mmCIF file of all heavy atoms, coordinates in Angstrom:
data_MODEL
# 
_entry.id   MODEL 
# 
loop_
_atom_site.group_PDB 
_atom_site.id 
_atom_site.type_symbol 
_atom_site.label_atom_id 
_atom_site.label_alt_id 
_atom_site.label_comp_id 
_atom_site.label_asym_id 
_atom_site.label_entity_id 
_atom_site.label_seq_id 
_atom_site.pdbx_PDB_ins_code 
_atom_site.Cartn_x 
_atom_site.Cartn_y 
_atom_site.Cartn_z 
_atom_site.occupancy 
_atom_site.B_iso_or_equiv 
_atom_site.pdbx_formal_charge 
_atom_site.auth_seq_id 
_atom_site.auth_comp_id 
_atom_site.auth_asym_id 
_atom_site.auth_atom_id 
_atom_site.pdbx_PDB_model_num 
ATOM 1   N N   . PRO A 1 1  ? 9.526  -136.249 -94.462  1.00 0.00 ? 1  PRO A N   1 
ATOM 2   C CA  . PRO A 1 1  ? 9.080  -136.050 -95.849  1.00 0.00 ? 1  PRO A CA  1 
ATOM 3   C C   . PRO A 1 1  ? 8.807  -134.581 -96.166  1.00 0.00 ? 1  PRO A C   1 
ATOM 4   O O   . PRO A 1 1  ? 8.277  -133.823 -95.335  1.00 0.00 ? 1  PRO A O   1 
ATOM 5   C CB  . PRO A 1 1  ? 7.796  -136.881 -95.936  1.00 0.00 ? 1  PRO A CB  1 
ATOM 6   C CG  . PRO A 1 1  ? 7.916  -137.894 -94.851  1.00 0.00 ? 1  PRO A CG  1 
ATOM 7   C CD  . PRO A 1 1  ? 8.652  -137.214 -93.745  1.00 0.00 ? 1  PRO A CD  1 
ATOM 8   N N   . PHE A 1 2  ? 9.144  -134.177 -97.381  1.00 0.00 ? 2  PHE A N   1 
ATOM 9   C CA  . PHE A 1 2  ? 8.959  -132.800 -97.845  1.00 0.00 ? 2  PHE A CA  1 
ATOM 10  C C   . PHE A 1 2  ? 7.495  -132.364 -97.768  1.00 0.00 ? 2  PHE A C   1 
ATOM 11  O O   . PHE A 1 2  ? 7.202  -131.189 -97.503  1.00 0.00 ? 2  PHE A O   1 
ATOM 12  C CB  . PHE A 1 2  ? 9.461  -132.682 -99.289  1.00 0.00 ? 2  PHE A CB  1 
ATOM 13  C CG  . PHE A 1 2  ? 9.207  -131.336 -99.910  1.00 0.00 ? 2  PHE A CG  1 
ATOM 14  C CD1 . PHE A 1 2  ? 9.926  -130.217 -99.517  1.00 0.00 ? 2  PHE A CD1 1 
ATOM 15  C CD2 . PHE A 1 2  ? 8.240  -131.188 -100.902 1.00 0.00 ? 2  PHE A CD2 1 
ATOM 16  C CE1 . PHE A 1 2  ? 9.691  -128.978 -100.098 1.00 0.00 ? 2  PHE A CE1 1 
ATOM 17  C CE2 . PHE A 1 2  ? 8.009  -129.954 -101.481 1.00 0.00 ? 2  PHE A CE2 1 
ATOM 18  C CZ  . PHE A 1 2  ? 8.732  -128.844 -101.085 1.00 0.00 ? 2  PHE A CZ  1 
ATOM 19  N N   . ILE A 1 3  ? 6.570  -133.304 -97.956  1.00 0.00 ? 3  ILE A N   1 
ATOM 20  C CA  . ILE A 1 3  ? 5.151  -132.965 -97.974  1.00 0.00 ? 3  ILE A CA  1 
ATOM 21  C C   . ILE A 1 3  ? 4.713  -132.323 -96.662  1.00 0.00 ? 3  ILE A C   1 
ATOM 22  O O   . ILE A 1 3  ? 3.783  -131.508 -96.631  1.00 0.00 ? 3  ILE A O   1 
ATOM 23  C CB  . ILE A 1 3  ? 4.280  -134.216 -98.281  1.00 0.00 ? 3  ILE A CB  1 
ATOM 24  C CG1 . ILE A 1 3  ? 2.824  -133.827 -98.475  1.00 0.00 ? 3  ILE A CG1 1 
ATOM 25  C CG2 . ILE A 1 3  ? 4.423  -135.256 -97.183  1.00 0.00 ? 3  ILE A CG2 1 
ATOM 26  C CD1 . ILE A 1 3  ? 2.558  -132.907 -99.632  1.00 0.00 ? 3  ILE A CD1 1 
ATOM 27  N N   . LEU A 1 4  ? 5.401  -132.650 -95.559  1.00 0.00 ? 4  LEU A N   1 
ATOM 28  C CA  . LEU A 1 4  ? 5.039  -132.065 -94.267  1.00 0.00 ? 4  LEU A CA  1 
ATOM 29  C C   . LEU A 1 4  ? 5.333  -130.566 -94.255  1.00 0.00 ? 4  LEU A C   1 
ATOM 30  O O   . LEU A 1 4  ? 4.573  -129.776 -93.683  1.00 0.00 ? 4  LEU A O   1 
ATOM 31  C CB  . LEU A 1 4  ? 5.781  -132.774 -93.137  1.00 0.00 ? 4  LEU A CB  1 
ATOM 32  C CG  . LEU A 1 4  ? 5.521  -134.280 -92.989  1.00 0.00 ? 4  LEU A CG  1 
ATOM 33  C CD1 . LEU A 1 4  ? 6.298  -134.840 -91.809  1.00 0.00 ? 4  LEU A CD1 1 
ATOM 34  C CD2 . LEU A 1 4  ? 4.028  -134.552 -92.823  1.00 0.00 ? 4  LEU A CD2 1 
ATOM 35  N N   . ALA A 1 5  ? 6.434  -130.171 -94.887  1.00 0.00 ? 5  ALA A N   1 
ATOM 36  C CA  . ALA A 1 5  ? 6.734  -128.737 -94.998  1.00 0.00 ? 5  ALA A CA  1 
ATOM 37  C C   . ALA A 1 5  ? 5.707  -128.042 -95.889  1.00 0.00 ? 5  ALA A C   1 
ATOM 38  O O   . ALA A 1 5  ? 5.270  -126.919 -95.604  1.00 0.00 ? 5  ALA A O   1 
ATOM 39  C CB  . ALA A 1 5  ? 8.144  -128.541 -95.553  1.00 0.00 ? 5  ALA A CB  1 
ATOM 40  N N   . GLU A 1 6  ? 5.317  -128.707 -96.972  1.00 0.00 ? 6  GLU A N   1 
ATOM 41  C CA  . GLU A 1 6  ? 4.291  -128.152 -97.859  1.00 0.00 ? 6  GLU A CA  1 
ATOM 42  C C   . GLU A 1 6  ? 2.973  -127.946 -97.120  1.00 0.00 ? 6  GLU A C   1 
ATOM 43  O O   . GLU A 1 6  ? 2.301  -126.927 -97.306  1.00 0.00 ? 6  GLU A O   1 
ATOM 44  C CB  . GLU A 1 6  ? 4.081  -129.092 -99.053  1.00 0.00 ? 6  GLU A CB  1 
ATOM 45  C CG  . GLU A 1 6  ? 5.138  -128.964 -100.132 1.00 0.00 ? 6  GLU A CG  1 
ATOM 46  C CD  . GLU A 1 6  ? 4.891  -127.754 -101.032 1.00 0.00 ? 6  GLU A CD  1 
ATOM 47  O OE1 . GLU A 1 6  ? 3.899  -127.047 -100.830 1.00 0.00 ? 6  GLU A OE1 1 
ATOM 48  O OE2 . GLU A 1 6  ? 5.702  -127.529 -101.952 1.00 0.00 ? 6  GLU A OE2 1 
ATOM 49  N N   . ARG A 1 7  ? 2.616  -128.905 -96.293  1.00 0.00 ? 7  ARG A N   1 
ATOM 50  C CA  . ARG A 1 7  ? 1.358  -128.793 -95.542  1.00 0.00 ? 7  ARG A CA  1 
ATOM 51  C C   . ARG A 1 7  ? 1.410  -127.646 -94.533  1.00 0.00 ? 7  ARG A C   1 
ATOM 52  O O   . ARG A 1 7  ? 0.425  -126.923 -94.347  1.00 0.00 ? 7  ARG A O   1 
ATOM 53  C CB  . ARG A 1 7  ? 1.042  -130.123 -94.860  1.00 0.00 ? 7  ARG A CB  1 
ATOM 54  C CG  . ARG A 1 7  ? 0.599  -131.213 -95.849  1.00 0.00 ? 7  ARG A CG  1 
ATOM 55  C CD  . ARG A 1 7  ? 0.608  -132.589 -95.214  1.00 0.00 ? 7  ARG A CD  1 
ATOM 56  N NE  . ARG A 1 7  ? -0.292 -132.695 -94.066  1.00 0.00 ? 7  ARG A NE  1 
ATOM 57  C CZ  . ARG A 1 7  ? -0.398 -133.789 -93.298  1.00 0.00 ? 7  ARG A CZ  1 
ATOM 58  N NH1 . ARG A 1 7  ? 0.362  -134.855 -93.562  1.00 0.00 ? 7  ARG A NH1 1 
ATOM 59  N NH2 . ARG A 1 7  ? -1.248 -133.807 -92.291  1.00 0.00 ? 7  ARG A NH2 1 
ATOM 60  N N   . MET A 1 8  ? 2.552  -127.453 -93.875  1.00 0.00 ? 8  MET A N   1 
ATOM 61  C CA  . MET A 1 8  ? 2.709  -126.309 -92.974  1.00 0.00 ? 8  MET A CA  1 
ATOM 62  C C   . MET A 1 8  ? 2.562  -125.003 -93.744  1.00 0.00 ? 8  MET A C   1 
ATOM 63  O O   . MET A 1 8  ? 1.855  -124.080 -93.317  1.00 0.00 ? 8  MET A O   1 
ATOM 64  C CB  . MET A 1 8  ? 4.077  -126.343 -92.286  1.00 0.00 ? 8  MET A CB  1 
ATOM 65  C CG  . MET A 1 8  ? 4.190  -127.282 -91.114  1.00 0.00 ? 8  MET A CG  1 
ATOM 66  S SD  . MET A 1 8  ? 5.747  -127.034 -90.196  1.00 0.00 ? 8  MET A SD  1 
ATOM 67  C CE  . MET A 1 8  ? 6.907  -127.939 -91.212  1.00 0.00 ? 8  MET A CE  1 
ATOM 68  N N   . LYS A 1 9  ? 3.235  -124.939 -94.874  1.00 0.00 ? 9  LYS A N   1 
ATOM 69  C CA  . LYS A 1 9  ? 3.201  -123.743 -95.712  1.00 0.00 ? 9  LYS A CA  1 
ATOM 70  C C   . LYS A 1 9  ? 1.778  -123.420 -96.150  1.00 0.00 ? 9  LYS A C   1 
ATOM 71  O O   . LYS A 1 9  ? 1.319  -122.266 -96.036  1.00 0.00 ? 9  LYS A O   1 
ATOM 72  C CB  . LYS A 1 9  ? 4.090  -123.967 -96.930  1.00 0.00 ? 9  LYS A CB  1 
ATOM 73  C CG  . LYS A 1 9  ? 3.881  -122.988 -98.068  1.00 0.00 ? 9  LYS A CG  1 
ATOM 74  C CD  . LYS A 1 9  ? 4.613  -123.445 -99.318  1.00 0.00 ? 9  LYS A CD  1 
ATOM 75  C CE  . LYS A 1 9  ? 4.116  -122.708 -100.550 1.00 0.00 ? 9  LYS A CE  1 
ATOM 76  N NZ  . LYS A 1 9  ? 4.803  -123.165 -101.780 1.00 0.00 ? 9  LYS A NZ  1 
ATOM 77  N N   . ASN A 1 10 ? 1.056  -124.418 -96.656  1.00 0.00 ? 10 ASN A N   1 
ATOM 78  C CA  . ASN A 1 10 ? -0.291 -124.182 -97.167  1.00 0.00 ? 10 ASN A CA  1 
ATOM 79  C C   . ASN A 1 10 ? -1.251 -123.758 -96.065  1.00 0.00 ? 10 ASN A C   1 
ATOM 80  O O   . ASN A 1 10 ? -2.117 -122.905 -96.275  1.00 0.00 ? 10 ASN A O   1 
ATOM 81  C CB  . ASN A 1 10 ? -0.801 -125.437 -97.880  1.00 0.00 ? 10 ASN A CB  1 
ATOM 82  C CG  . ASN A 1 10 ? -0.028 -125.732 -99.156  1.00 0.00 ? 10 ASN A CG  1 
ATOM 83  O OD1 . ASN A 1 10 ? 0.578  -124.840 -99.744  1.00 0.00 ? 10 ASN A OD1 1 
ATOM 84  N ND2 . ASN A 1 10 ? -0.036 -126.991 -99.587  1.00 0.00 ? 10 ASN A ND2 1 
ATOM 85  N N   . ALA A 1 11 ? -1.098 -124.359 -94.891  1.00 0.00 ? 11 ALA A N   1 
ATOM 86  C CA  . ALA A 1 11 ? -1.969 -123.986 -93.771  1.00 0.00 ? 11 ALA A CA  1 
ATOM 87  C C   . ALA A 1 11 ? -1.699 -122.551 -93.321  1.00 0.00 ? 11 ALA A C   1 
ATOM 88  O O   . ALA A 1 11 ? -2.636 -121.791 -93.029  1.00 0.00 ? 11 ALA A O   1 
ATOM 89  C CB  . ALA A 1 11 ? -1.755 -124.957 -92.607  1.00 0.00 ? 11 ALA A CB  1 
ATOM 90  N N   . ALA A 1 12 ? -0.431 -122.182 -93.266  1.00 0.00 ? 12 ALA A N   1 
ATOM 91  C CA  . ALA A 1 12 ? -0.086 -120.808 -92.870  1.00 0.00 ? 12 ALA A CA  1 
ATOM 92  C C   . ALA A 1 12 ? -0.642 -119.807 -93.872  1.00 0.00 ? 12 ALA A C   1 
ATOM 93  O O   . ALA A 1 12 ? -1.217 -118.775 -93.492  1.00 0.00 ? 12 ALA A O   1 
ATOM 94  C CB  . ALA A 1 12 ? 1.430  -120.663 -92.765  1.00 0.00 ? 12 ALA A CB  1 
ATOM 95  N N   . ARG A 1 13 ? -0.506 -120.111 -95.146  1.00 0.00 ? 13 ARG A N   1 
ATOM 96  C CA  . ARG A 1 13 ? -1.013 -119.215 -96.185  1.00 0.00 ? 13 ARG A CA  1 
ATOM 97  C C   . ARG A 1 13 ? -2.530 -119.057 -96.074  1.00 0.00 ? 13 ARG A C   1 
ATOM 98  O O   . ARG A 1 13 ? -3.056 -117.939 -96.166  1.00 0.00 ? 13 ARG A O   1 
ATOM 99  C CB  . ARG A 1 13 ? -0.644 -119.757 -97.565  1.00 0.00 ? 13 ARG A CB  1 
ATOM 100 C CG  . ARG A 1 13 ? -1.147 -118.898 -98.717  1.00 0.00 ? 13 ARG A CG  1 
ATOM 101 C CD  . ARG A 1 13 ? -0.738 -119.473 -100.070 1.00 0.00 ? 13 ARG A CD  1 
ATOM 102 N NE  . ARG A 1 13 ? -1.336 -118.712 -101.163 1.00 0.00 ? 13 ARG A NE  1 
ATOM 103 C CZ  . ARG A 1 13 ? -0.851 -117.596 -101.659 1.00 0.00 ? 13 ARG A CZ  1 
ATOM 104 N NH1 . ARG A 1 13 ? 0.275  -117.107 -101.162 1.00 0.00 ? 13 ARG A NH1 1 
ATOM 105 N NH2 . ARG A 1 13 ? -1.454 -116.963 -102.649 1.00 0.00 ? 13 ARG A NH2 1 
ATOM 106 N N   . ALA A 1 14 ? -3.233 -120.164 -95.848  1.00 0.00 ? 14 ALA A N   1 
ATOM 107 C CA  . ALA A 1 14 ? -4.692 -120.113 -95.738  1.00 0.00 ? 14 ALA A CA  1 
ATOM 108 C C   . ALA A 1 14 ? -5.125 -119.258 -94.553  1.00 0.00 ? 14 ALA A C   1 
ATOM 109 O O   . ALA A 1 14 ? -6.081 -118.472 -94.635  1.00 0.00 ? 14 ALA A O   1 
ATOM 110 C CB  . ALA A 1 14 ? -5.254 -121.525 -95.618  1.00 0.00 ? 14 ALA A CB  1 
ATOM 111 N N   . THR A 1 15 ? -4.420 -119.376 -93.432  1.00 0.00 ? 15 THR A N   1 
ATOM 112 C CA  . THR A 1 15 ? -4.758 -118.592 -92.241  1.00 0.00 ? 15 THR A CA  1 
ATOM 113 C C   . THR A 1 15 ? -4.489 -117.112 -92.471  1.00 0.00 ? 15 THR A C   1 
ATOM 114 O O   . THR A 1 15 ? -5.267 -116.248 -92.048  1.00 0.00 ? 15 THR A O   1 
ATOM 115 C CB  . THR A 1 15 ? -3.961 -119.099 -91.028  1.00 0.00 ? 15 THR A CB  1 
ATOM 116 O OG1 . THR A 1 15 ? -4.273 -120.481 -90.801  1.00 0.00 ? 15 THR A OG1 1 
ATOM 117 C CG2 . THR A 1 15 ? -4.312 -118.311 -89.775  1.00 0.00 ? 15 THR A CG2 1 
ATOM 118 N N   . LEU A 1 16 ? -3.397 -116.791 -93.136  1.00 0.00 ? 16 LEU A N   1 
ATOM 119 C CA  . LEU A 1 16 ? -3.095 -115.388 -93.438  1.00 0.00 ? 16 LEU A CA  1 
ATOM 120 C C   . LEU A 1 16 ? -4.142 -114.781 -94.373  1.00 0.00 ? 16 LEU A C   1 
ATOM 121 O O   . LEU A 1 16 ? -4.592 -113.648 -94.169  1.00 0.00 ? 16 LEU A O   1 
ATOM 122 C CB  . LEU A 1 16 ? -1.707 -115.273 -94.072  1.00 0.00 ? 16 LEU A CB  1 
ATOM 123 C CG  . LEU A 1 16 ? -0.518 -115.590 -93.165  1.00 0.00 ? 16 LEU A CG  1 
ATOM 124 C CD1 . LEU A 1 16 ? 0.783  -115.607 -93.968  1.00 0.00 ? 16 LEU A CD1 1 
ATOM 125 C CD2 . LEU A 1 16 ? -0.412 -114.582 -92.022  1.00 0.00 ? 16 LEU A CD2 1 
ATOM 126 N N   . LEU A 1 17 ? -4.543 -115.545 -95.379  1.00 0.00 ? 17 LEU A N   1 
ATOM 127 C CA  . LEU A 1 17 ? -5.577 -115.064 -96.299  1.00 0.00 ? 17 LEU A CA  1 
ATOM 128 C C   . LEU A 1 17 ? -6.890 -114.829 -95.556  1.00 0.00 ? 17 LEU A C   1 
ATOM 129 O O   . LEU A 1 17 ? -7.571 -113.817 -95.778  1.00 0.00 ? 17 LEU A O   1 
ATOM 130 C CB  . LEU A 1 17 ? -5.782 -116.067 -97.424  1.00 0.00 ? 17 LEU A CB  1 
ATOM 131 C CG  . LEU A 1 17 ? -4.629 -116.198 -98.436  1.00 0.00 ? 17 LEU A CG  1 
ATOM 132 C CD1 . LEU A 1 17 ? -4.888 -117.359 -99.386  1.00 0.00 ? 17 LEU A CD1 1 
ATOM 133 C CD2 . LEU A 1 17 ? -4.437 -114.894 -99.214  1.00 0.00 ? 17 LEU A CD2 1 
ATOM 134 N N   . ALA A 1 18 ? -7.242 -115.758 -94.674  1.00 0.00 ? 18 ALA A N   1 
ATOM 135 C CA  . ALA A 1 18 ? -8.471 -115.608 -93.886  1.00 0.00 ? 18 ALA A CA  1 
ATOM 136 C C   . ALA A 1 18 ? -8.380 -114.401 -92.956  1.00 0.00 ? 18 ALA A C   1 
ATOM 137 O O   . ALA A 1 18 ? -9.404 -113.816 -92.581  1.00 0.00 ? 18 ALA A O   1 
ATOM 138 C CB  . ALA A 1 18 ? -8.727 -116.880 -93.069  1.00 0.00 ? 18 ALA A CB  1 
ATOM 139 N N   . GLY A 1 19 ? -7.153 -114.023 -92.596  1.00 0.00 ? 19 GLY A N   1 
ATOM 140 C CA  . GLY A 1 19 ? -6.951 -112.860 -91.727  1.00 0.00 ? 19 GLY A CA  1 
ATOM 141 C C   . GLY A 1 19 ? -6.895 -111.549 -92.472  1.00 0.00 ? 19 GLY A C   1 
ATOM 142 O O   . GLY A 1 19 ? -6.638 -110.503 -91.864  1.00 0.00 ? 19 GLY A O   1 
ATOM 143 N N   . GLY A 1 20 ? -7.119 -111.590 -93.788  1.00 0.00 ? 20 GLY A N   1 
ATOM 144 C CA  . GLY A 1 20 ? -7.195 -110.358 -94.559  1.00 0.00 ? 20 GLY A CA  1 
ATOM 145 C C   . GLY A 1 20 ? -5.928 -109.949 -95.274  1.00 0.00 ? 20 GLY A C   1 
ATOM 146 O O   . GLY A 1 20 ? -5.868 -108.851 -95.853  1.00 0.00 ? 20 GLY A O   1 
ATOM 147 N N   . VAL A 1 21 ? -4.912 -110.817 -95.279  1.00 0.00 ? 21 VAL A N   1 
ATOM 148 C CA  . VAL A 1 21 ? -3.664 -110.483 -95.966  1.00 0.00 ? 21 VAL A CA  1 
ATOM 149 C C   . VAL A 1 21 ? -3.846 -110.714 -97.471  1.00 0.00 ? 21 VAL A C   1 
ATOM 150 O O   . VAL A 1 21 ? -4.395 -111.735 -97.895  1.00 0.00 ? 21 VAL A O   1 
ATOM 151 C CB  . VAL A 1 21 ? -2.495 -111.337 -95.436  1.00 0.00 ? 21 VAL A CB  1 
ATOM 152 C CG1 . VAL A 1 21 ? -1.206 -111.018 -96.189  1.00 0.00 ? 21 VAL A CG1 1 
ATOM 153 C CG2 . VAL A 1 21 ? -2.309 -111.107 -93.933  1.00 0.00 ? 21 VAL A CG2 1 
ATOM 154 N N   . SER A 1 22 ? -3.361 -109.787 -98.268  1.00 0.00 ? 22 SER A N   1 
ATOM 155 C CA  . SER A 1 22 ? -3.460 -109.926 -99.715  1.00 0.00 ? 22 SER A CA  1 
ATOM 156 C C   . SER A 1 22 ? -2.597 -111.083 -100.201 1.00 0.00 ? 22 SER A C   1 
ATOM 157 O O   . SER A 1 22 ? -1.458 -111.245 -99.747  1.00 0.00 ? 22 SER A O   1 
ATOM 158 C CB  . SER A 1 22 ? -2.999 -108.630 -100.397 1.00 0.00 ? 22 SER A CB  1 
ATOM 159 O OG  . SER A 1 22 ? -2.827 -108.827 -101.793 1.00 0.00 ? 22 SER A OG  1 
ATOM 160 N N   . PRO A 1 23 ? -3.108 -111.907 -101.118 1.00 0.00 ? 23 PRO A N   1 
ATOM 161 C CA  . PRO A 1 23 ? -2.304 -113.033 -101.620 1.00 0.00 ? 23 PRO A CA  1 
ATOM 162 C C   . PRO A 1 23 ? -1.012 -112.588 -102.287 1.00 0.00 ? 23 PRO A C   1 
ATOM 163 O O   . PRO A 1 23 ? -0.023 -113.328 -102.285 1.00 0.00 ? 23 PRO A O   1 
ATOM 164 C CB  . PRO A 1 23 ? -3.247 -113.721 -102.617 1.00 0.00 ? 23 PRO A CB  1 
ATOM 165 C CG  . PRO A 1 23 ? -4.312 -112.724 -102.929 1.00 0.00 ? 23 PRO A CG  1 
ATOM 166 C CD  . PRO A 1 23 ? -4.457 -111.880 -101.724 1.00 0.00 ? 23 PRO A CD  1 
ATOM 167 N N   . THR A 1 24 ? -0.983 -111.399 -102.855 1.00 0.00 ? 24 THR A N   1 
ATOM 168 C CA  . THR A 1 24 ? 0.238  -110.916 -103.516 1.00 0.00 ? 24 THR A CA  1 
ATOM 169 C C   . THR A 1 24 ? 1.326  -110.518 -102.528 1.00 0.00 ? 24 THR A C   1 
ATOM 170 O O   . THR A 1 24 ? 2.481  -110.327 -102.909 1.00 0.00 ? 24 THR A O   1 
ATOM 171 C CB  . THR A 1 24 ? -0.076 -109.717 -104.419 1.00 0.00 ? 24 THR A CB  1 
ATOM 172 O OG1 . THR A 1 24 ? -0.641 -108.662 -103.616 1.00 0.00 ? 24 THR A OG1 1 
ATOM 173 C CG2 . THR A 1 24 ? -1.066 -110.096 -105.501 1.00 0.00 ? 24 THR A CG2 1 
ATOM 174 N N   . ALA A 1 25 ? 0.957  -110.400 -101.226 1.00 0.00 ? 25 ALA A N   1 
ATOM 175 C CA  . ALA A 1 25 ? 1.925  -110.002 -100.201 1.00 0.00 ? 25 ALA A CA  1 
ATOM 176 C C   . ALA A 1 25 ? 2.530  -111.200 -99.478  1.00 0.00 ? 25 ALA A C   1 
ATOM 177 O O   . ALA A 1 25 ? 3.346  -111.027 -98.564  1.00 0.00 ? 25 ALA A O   1 
ATOM 178 C CB  . ALA A 1 25 ? 1.260  -109.079 -99.181  1.00 0.00 ? 25 ALA A CB  1 
ATOM 179 N N   . ILE A 1 26 ? 2.126  -112.414 -99.846  1.00 0.00 ? 26 ILE A N   1 
ATOM 180 C CA  . ILE A 1 26 ? 2.568  -113.618 -99.136  1.00 0.00 ? 26 ILE A CA  1 
ATOM 181 C C   . ILE A 1 26 ? 3.574  -114.391 -99.975  1.00 0.00 ? 26 ILE A C   1 
ATOM 182 O O   . ILE A 1 26 ? 3.297  -114.748 -101.124 1.00 0.00 ? 26 ILE A O   1 
ATOM 183 C CB  . ILE A 1 26 ? 1.366  -114.529 -98.799  1.00 0.00 ? 26 ILE A CB  1 
ATOM 184 C CG1 . ILE A 1 26 ? 0.330  -113.771 -97.963  1.00 0.00 ? 26 ILE A CG1 1 
ATOM 185 C CG2 . ILE A 1 26 ? 1.836  -115.776 -98.047  1.00 0.00 ? 26 ILE A CG2 1 
ATOM 186 C CD1 . ILE A 1 26 ? -0.952 -114.549 -97.743  1.00 0.00 ? 26 ILE A CD1 1 
ATOM 187 N N   . ARG A 1 27 ? 4.737  -114.650 -99.402  1.00 0.00 ? 27 ARG A N   1 
ATOM 188 C CA  . ARG A 1 27 ? 5.758  -115.456 -100.069 1.00 0.00 ? 27 ARG A CA  1 
ATOM 189 C C   . ARG A 1 27 ? 6.348  -116.433 -99.056  1.00 0.00 ? 27 ARG A C   1 
ATOM 190 O O   . ARG A 1 27 ? 7.228  -116.067 -98.259  1.00 0.00 ? 27 ARG A O   1 
ATOM 191 C CB  . ARG A 1 27 ? 6.865  -114.573 -100.647 1.00 0.00 ? 27 ARG A CB  1 
ATOM 192 C CG  . ARG A 1 27 ? 6.386  -113.604 -101.718 1.00 0.00 ? 27 ARG A CG  1 
ATOM 193 C CD  . ARG A 1 27 ? 7.515  -112.726 -102.220 1.00 0.00 ? 27 ARG A CD  1 
ATOM 194 N NE  . ARG A 1 27 ? 7.023  -111.629 -103.031 1.00 0.00 ? 27 ARG A NE  1 
ATOM 195 C CZ  . ARG A 1 27 ? 7.775  -110.622 -103.455 1.00 0.00 ? 27 ARG A CZ  1 
ATOM 196 N NH1 . ARG A 1 27 ? 9.069  -110.592 -103.142 1.00 0.00 ? 27 ARG A NH1 1 
ATOM 197 N NH2 . ARG A 1 27 ? 7.269  -109.656 -104.186 1.00 0.00 ? 27 ARG A NH2 1 
ATOM 198 N N   . ILE A 1 28 ? 5.861  -117.649 -99.055  1.00 0.00 ? 28 ILE A N   1 
ATOM 199 C CA  . ILE A 1 28 ? 6.322  -118.681 -98.124  1.00 0.00 ? 28 ILE A CA  1 
ATOM 200 C C   . ILE A 1 28 ? 6.905  -119.839 -98.922  1.00 0.00 ? 28 ILE A C   1 
ATOM 201 O O   . ILE A 1 28 ? 6.270  -120.329 -99.858  1.00 0.00 ? 28 ILE A O   1 
ATOM 202 C CB  . ILE A 1 28 ? 5.172  -119.191 -97.225  1.00 0.00 ? 28 ILE A CB  1 
ATOM 203 C CG1 . ILE A 1 28 ? 4.440  -118.023 -96.553  1.00 0.00 ? 28 ILE A CG1 1 
ATOM 204 C CG2 . ILE A 1 28 ? 5.715  -120.142 -96.160  1.00 0.00 ? 28 ILE A CG2 1 
ATOM 205 C CD1 . ILE A 1 28 ? 3.196  -118.431 -95.796  1.00 0.00 ? 28 ILE A CD1 1 
ATOM 206 N N   . ASN A 1 29 ? 8.086  -120.282 -98.546  1.00 0.00 ? 29 ASN A N   1 
ATOM 207 C CA  . ASN A 1 29 ? 8.731  -121.408 -99.195  1.00 0.00 ? 29 ASN A CA  1 
ATOM 208 C C   . ASN A 1 29 ? 8.670  -122.644 -98.314  1.00 0.00 ? 29 ASN A C   1 
ATOM 209 O O   . ASN A 1 29 ? 8.613  -122.537 -97.082  1.00 0.00 ? 29 ASN A O   1 
ATOM 210 C CB  . ASN A 1 29 ? 10.199 -121.093 -99.497  1.00 0.00 ? 29 ASN A CB  1 
ATOM 211 C CG  . ASN A 1 29 ? 10.357 -119.950 -100.476 1.00 0.00 ? 29 ASN A CG  1 
ATOM 212 O OD1 . ASN A 1 29 ? 9.585  -119.837 -101.429 1.00 0.00 ? 29 ASN A OD1 1 
ATOM 213 N ND2 . ASN A 1 29 ? 11.340 -119.093 -100.239 1.00 0.00 ? 29 ASN A ND2 1 
# 
């Protein structure tokens, strides 16, 4: 299911943000 890819994407984005990466620098599909 596509939702599994979405969940991977969202978790990766959250971890990057917590690590200090600017939200404008993140582009994950």
